[in-house]
Amino acid sequence: AEAHAKLGALCLAKTEADETEADRTSAISQVAVEQTVLRESRKLLEELLSSIHTAAANARKDRGQIVNNFGDRNEGMQIGVSYGAIGGITFGKK
């Protein structure tokens, strides 16, 4: 959007006294190239983001299901899967 606005401003701007037509044409050309590069960069970033989303979905899909069977004892600590640290736990009577 910024490059597009800059290009429009350059096309509509009056020529300064010390500015040649070649300078003006060069500036407009540079902004047009910048606009093209930004458009292509955005396209590549969108493709990369799509690939990342696909890879993440595939990683979640391939993860096996975890089933925990604790039995009928209702005492002690029963934890299925813990991806974090567990601390400050005591077992038995106090």
C-alpha atoms as a PDB file:
ATOM      1  CA  ALA A   1       0.000   0.000   0.000  1.00  0.00           C
ATOM      2  CA  GLU A   2       2.847   2.360   0.866  1.00  0.00           C
ATOM      3  CA  ALA A   3       4.697   1.667  -2.392  1.00  0.00           C
ATOM      4  CA  HIS A   4       1.464   2.110  -4.356  1.00  0.00           C
ATOM      5  CA  ALA A   5       0.788   5.455  -2.653  1.00  0.00           C
ATOM      6  CA  LYS A   6       4.374   6.570  -3.283  1.00  0.00           C
ATOM      7  CA  LEU A   7       4.070   5.633  -6.965  1.00  0.00           C
ATOM      8  CA  GLY A   8       0.838   7.596  -7.296  1.00  0.00           C
ATOM      9  CA  ALA A   9       2.363  10.628  -5.581  1.00  0.00           C
ATOM     10  CA  LEU A  10       5.396  10.540  -7.869  1.00  0.00           C
ATOM     11  CA  CYS A  11       3.237  10.343 -10.981  1.00  0.00           C
ATOM     12  CA  LEU A  12       1.073  13.288  -9.887  1.00  0.00           C
ATOM     13  CA  ALA A  13       3.810  15.459  -8.356  1.00  0.00           C
ATOM     14  CA  LYS A  14       5.015  18.552 -10.151  1.00  0.00           C
ATOM     15  CA  THR A  15       8.602  18.497 -11.361  1.00  0.00           C
ATOM     16  CA  GLU A  16      10.991  20.393  -9.087  1.00  0.00           C
ATOM     17  CA  ALA A  17      13.289  23.013 -10.643  1.00  0.00           C
ATOM     18  CA  ASP A  18      16.460  20.956 -10.114  1.00  0.00           C
ATOM     19  CA  GLU A  19      14.836  17.650 -11.098  1.00  0.00           C
ATOM     20  CA  THR A  20      15.220  16.332 -14.617  1.00  0.00           C
ATOM     21  CA  GLU A  21      12.705  14.183 -16.429  1.00  0.00           C
ATOM     22  CA  ALA A  22      15.247  11.343 -16.260  1.00  0.00           C
ATOM     23  CA  ASP A  23      15.343  11.674 -12.444  1.00  0.00           C
ATOM     24  CA  ARG A  24      11.563  11.551 -12.292  1.00  0.00           C
ATOM     25  CA  THR A  25      11.383   8.539 -14.606  1.00  0.00           C
ATOM     26  CA  SER A  26      14.074   6.765 -12.587  1.00  0.00           C
ATOM     27  CA  ALA A  27      12.242   7.401  -9.304  1.00  0.00           C
ATOM     28  CA  ILE A  28       8.959   6.115 -10.737  1.00  0.00           C
ATOM     29  CA  SER A  29      10.747   3.056 -12.115  1.00  0.00           C
ATOM     30  CA  GLN A  30      12.411   2.341  -8.754  1.00  0.00           C
ATOM     31  CA  VAL A  31       9.090   2.523  -6.911  1.00  0.00           C
ATOM     32  CA  ALA A  32       7.468   0.248  -9.500  1.00  0.00           C
ATOM     33  CA  VAL A  33      10.276  -2.306  -9.022  1.00  0.00           C
ATOM     34  CA  GLU A  34       9.896  -2.013  -5.240  1.00  0.00           C
ATOM     35  CA  GLN A  35       6.165  -2.640  -5.588  1.00  0.00           C
ATOM     36  CA  THR A  36       6.806  -5.763  -7.692  1.00  0.00           C
ATOM     37  CA  VAL A  37       9.387  -7.091  -5.223  1.00  0.00           C
ATOM     38  CA  LEU A  38       7.030  -6.521  -2.285  1.00  0.00           C
ATOM     39  CA  ARG A  39       4.189  -8.290  -4.093  1.00  0.00           C
ATOM     40  CA  GLU A  40       6.402 -11.314  -4.858  1.00  0.00           C
ATOM     41  CA  SER A  41       7.767 -11.364  -1.289  1.00  0.00           C
ATOM     42  CA  ARG A  42       4.247 -11.367   0.087  1.00  0.00           C
ATOM     43  CA  LYS A  43       3.308 -14.214  -2.244  1.00  0.00           C
ATOM     44  CA  LEU A  44       6.305 -16.266  -1.045  1.00  0.00           C
ATOM     45  CA  LEU A  45       5.498 -15.553   2.607  1.00  0.00           C
ATOM     46  CA  GLU A  46       1.889 -16.660   2.101  1.00  0.00           C
ATOM     47  CA  GLU A  47       3.116 -19.905   0.488  1.00  0.00           C
ATOM     48  CA  LEU A  48       5.517 -20.463   3.391  1.00  0.00           C
ATOM     49  CA  LEU A  49       2.751 -19.877   5.934  1.00  0.00           C
ATOM     50  CA  SER A  50       0.518 -22.326   4.096  1.00  0.00           C
ATOM     51  CA  SER A  51       3.303 -24.938   4.132  1.00  0.00           C
ATOM     52  CA  ILE A  52       3.818 -24.411   7.864  1.00  0.00           C
ATOM     53  CA  HIS A  53       0.094 -24.858   8.538  1.00  0.00           C
ATOM     54  CA  THR A  54       0.050 -28.050   6.465  1.00  0.00           C
ATOM     55  CA  ALA A  55       3.126 -29.442   8.238  1.00  0.00           C
ATOM     56  CA  ALA A  56       1.648 -28.641  11.655  1.00  0.00           C
ATOM     57  CA  ALA A  57      -1.635 -30.336  10.754  1.00  0.00           C
ATOM     58  CA  ASN A  58       0.239 -33.410   9.522  1.00  0.00           C
ATOM     59  CA  ALA A  59       2.327 -33.524  12.708  1.00  0.00           C
ATOM     60  CA  ARG A  60      -0.807 -33.431  14.856  1.00  0.00           C
ATOM     61  CA  LYS A  61      -2.454 -36.092  12.718  1.00  0.00           C
ATOM     62  CA  ASP A  62       0.513 -38.476  13.013  1.00  0.00           C
ATOM     63  CA  ARG A  63       0.720 -38.171  16.789  1.00  0.00           C
ATOM     64  CA  GLY A  64      -0.570 -41.384  18.338  1.00  0.00           C
ATOM     65  CA  GLN A  65      -3.469 -41.405  20.731  1.00  0.00           C
ATOM     66  CA  ILE A  66      -2.577 -41.877  24.400  1.00  0.00           C
ATOM     67  CA  VAL A  67      -4.838 -44.019  26.563  1.00  0.00           C
ATOM     68  CA  ASN A  68      -4.358 -44.231  30.328  1.00  0.00           C
ATOM     69  CA  ASN A  69      -5.887 -46.979  32.420  1.00  0.00           C
ATOM     70  CA  PHE A  70      -5.515 -46.370  36.136  1.00  0.00           C
ATOM     71  CA  GLY A  71      -7.543 -49.262  37.444  1.00  0.00           C
ATOM     72  CA  ASP A  72      -9.915 -49.107  40.385  1.00  0.00           C
ATOM     73  CA  ARG A  73      -7.491 -47.795  43.033  1.00  0.00           C
ATOM     74  CA  ASN A  74      -8.510 -44.303  44.041  1.00  0.00           C
ATOM     75  CA  GLU A  75      -5.380 -43.198  45.870  1.00  0.00           C
ATOM     76  CA  GLY A  76      -2.003 -41.675  45.192  1.00  0.00           C
ATOM     77  CA  MET A  77      -1.108 -39.643  42.184  1.00  0.00           C
ATOM     78  CA  GLN A  78      -2.544 -40.545  38.824  1.00  0.00           C
ATOM     79  CA  ILE A  79      -1.355 -38.531  35.887  1.00  0.00           C
ATOM     80  CA  GLY A  80      -1.689 -39.459  32.260  1.00  0.00           C
ATOM     81  CA  VAL A  81       0.755 -37.369  30.272  1.00  0.00           C
ATOM     82  CA  SER A  82       2.606 -34.391  31.697  1.00  0.00           C
ATOM     83  CA  TYR A  83       4.690 -32.201  29.430  1.00  0.00           C
ATOM     84  CA  GLY A  84       5.671 -29.954  32.337  1.00  0.00           C
ATOM     85  CA  ALA A  85       7.613 -30.288  35.547  1.00  0.00           C
ATOM     86  CA  ILE A  86       5.927 -31.783  38.591  1.00  0.00           C
ATOM     87  CA  GLY A  87       7.247 -30.783  41.993  1.00  0.00           C
ATOM     88  CA  GLY A  88       6.293 -30.244  45.608  1.00  0.00           C
ATOM     89  CA  ILE A  89       4.378 -33.492  45.893  1.00  0.00           C
ATOM     90  CA  THR A  90       4.487 -35.773  48.924  1.00  0.00           C
ATOM     91  CA  PHE A  91       3.058 -39.258  49.173  1.00  0.00           C
ATOM     92  CA  GLY A  92       1.716 -41.047  52.174  1.00  0.00           C
ATOM     93  CA  LYS A  93       0.321 -39.754  55.440  1.00  0.00           C
ATOM     94  CA  LYS A  94       1.579 -36.550  57.001  1.00  0.00           C
END
